[in-house]
Amino acid sequence: QPPHDPALRERVASAGRHGRGPGAPRAVRLHDDHGVEPNANCYNDAMEGCAQQGLWRETLDLFDRMQAQRITPTARTCHSVITAYGQGYQWRNALSFVERMHVLGAEK
């Protein structure tokens, strides 16, 4: 089990909460650099910050990384992904994502 580092997780959360979207992916990468496994809240905060800033590609990249780590998406995760697709005018991808949300096992 990777070490638990609340300080690193809080950096990601802070970047997301305060609309510093570009800093959020870097903060998630810091987890990897320090051997700390990011959790769903870290990814959700980072994705939300990116989506709010219109950084739709970064949001989707974070979602892909989250999936690769087999972290179950939440309703908040799905909201960020749909928002990101909207920011990128990717309407068909947004609709396709909505149709497969249940397959992802998204939690509330």
Protein backbone atom coordinates (compact mmCIF):
# COMPACT_ATOMS: atom_id res chain seq x y z
CA GLN A 1 0.00 0.00 0.00
CA PRO A 2 1.44 3.40 -0.96
CA PRO A 3 2.03 5.81 1.92
CA HIS A 4 -0.74 8.16 2.98
CA ASP A 5 0.20 11.83 2.74
CA PRO A 6 -2.64 14.17 3.65
CA ALA A 7 -0.53 17.25 2.85
CA LEU A 8 -0.10 16.23 -0.80
CA ARG A 9 -3.74 15.34 -1.10
CA GLU A 10 -4.68 18.74 0.31
CA ARG A 11 -2.51 20.48 -2.33
CA VAL A 12 -4.56 18.81 -5.04
CA ALA A 13 -7.83 19.63 -3.29
CA SER A 14 -6.78 23.25 -2.85
CA ALA A 15 -5.80 23.60 -6.51
CA GLY A 16 -9.22 22.31 -7.54
CA ARG A 17 -11.27 24.28 -5.01
CA HIS A 18 -9.61 27.59 -5.79
CA GLY A 19 -9.92 27.35 -9.56
CA ARG A 20 -6.23 26.75 -10.17
CA GLY A 21 -6.91 24.13 -12.78
CA PRO A 22 -3.47 24.14 -14.41
CA GLY A 23 -1.83 23.39 -11.04
CA ALA A 24 -4.12 20.47 -10.32
CA PRO A 25 -2.59 17.95 -12.78
CA ARG A 26 0.87 18.87 -11.51
CA ALA A 27 -0.26 18.27 -7.95
CA VAL A 28 -1.64 14.84 -8.88
CA ARG A 29 1.71 14.02 -10.52
CA LEU A 30 3.45 14.97 -7.27
CA HIS A 31 1.73 11.99 -5.71
CA ASP A 32 3.42 9.69 -8.19
CA ASP A 33 6.79 11.38 -7.66
CA HIS A 34 6.55 10.81 -3.91
CA GLY A 35 5.08 7.31 -4.08
CA VAL A 36 1.71 8.44 -2.70
CA GLU A 37 -1.34 7.02 -4.42
CA PRO A 38 -3.95 9.70 -5.17
CA ASN A 39 -7.50 8.83 -4.16
CA ALA A 40 -10.87 9.62 -5.78
CA ASN A 41 -11.16 12.93 -3.93
CA CYS A 42 -7.77 14.07 -5.25
CA TYR A 43 -8.76 13.28 -8.80
CA ASN A 44 -12.23 14.80 -8.37
CA ASP A 45 -10.83 18.06 -7.01
CA ALA A 46 -8.24 18.26 -9.77
CA MET A 47 -10.72 17.40 -12.51
CA GLU A 48 -13.26 19.87 -11.20
CA GLY A 49 -10.66 22.65 -11.15
CA CYS A 50 -9.58 21.88 -14.70
CA ALA A 51 -13.13 21.61 -16.01
CA GLN A 52 -14.09 24.95 -14.44
CA GLN A 53 -11.10 26.58 -16.14
CA GLY A 54 -12.08 25.16 -19.54
CA LEU A 55 -9.11 22.76 -19.53
CA TRP A 56 -11.14 19.94 -20.98
CA ARG A 57 -8.23 17.89 -22.34
CA GLU A 58 -6.49 17.98 -18.95
CA THR A 59 -9.73 16.92 -17.27
CA LEU A 60 -10.08 13.94 -19.58
CA ASP A 61 -6.41 13.04 -19.13
CA LEU A 62 -6.93 12.97 -15.36
CA PHE A 63 -10.01 10.79 -15.84
CA ASP A 64 -7.99 8.36 -17.96
CA ARG A 65 -5.30 8.22 -15.27
CA MET A 66 -7.94 7.66 -12.62
CA GLN A 67 -9.38 4.77 -14.62
CA ALA A 68 -5.90 3.29 -15.18
CA GLN A 69 -5.46 3.21 -11.40
CA ARG A 70 -8.82 1.45 -11.10
CA ILE A 71 -10.32 4.19 -8.93
CA THR A 72 -14.11 4.02 -9.09
CA PRO A 73 -15.60 7.25 -10.44
CA THR A 74 -18.20 9.10 -8.41
CA ALA A 75 -21.11 11.26 -9.52
CA ARG A 76 -18.75 14.22 -9.08
CA THR A 77 -16.23 12.57 -11.40
CA CYS A 78 -18.90 12.09 -14.05
CA HIS A 79 -20.05 15.69 -13.71
CA SER A 80 -16.50 16.92 -14.32
CA VAL A 81 -16.09 14.71 -17.38
CA ILE A 82 -19.39 15.86 -18.87
CA THR A 83 -18.49 19.50 -18.13
CA ALA A 84 -15.11 18.97 -19.81
CA TYR A 85 -16.71 17.52 -22.93
CA GLY A 86 -19.05 20.51 -23.01
CA GLN A 87 -16.14 22.94 -22.67
CA GLY A 88 -14.52 21.25 -25.66
CA TYR A 89 -17.75 21.20 -27.69
CA GLN A 90 -17.53 17.41 -27.72
CA TRP A 91 -21.30 16.88 -27.52
CA ARG A 92 -21.37 13.36 -28.97
CA ASN A 93 -18.66 12.25 -26.56
CA ALA A 94 -20.63 13.78 -23.69
CA LEU A 95 -23.79 11.88 -24.69
CA SER A 96 -21.83 8.67 -25.15
CA PHE A 97 -20.30 9.11 -21.69
CA VAL A 98 -23.73 9.65 -20.10
CA GLU A 99 -24.96 6.44 -21.74
CA ARG A 100 -22.09 4.41 -20.28
CA MET A 101 -21.89 5.96 -16.79
CA HIS A 102 -23.66 2.97 -15.24
CA VAL A 103 -21.08 0.62 -16.79
CA LEU A 104 -18.31 2.58 -15.08
CA GLY A 105 -19.89 1.76 -11.74
CA ALA A 106 -20.05 5.40 -10.72
CA GLU A 107 -20.80 5.87 -7.05
CA LYS A 108 -22.91 8.64 -5.57
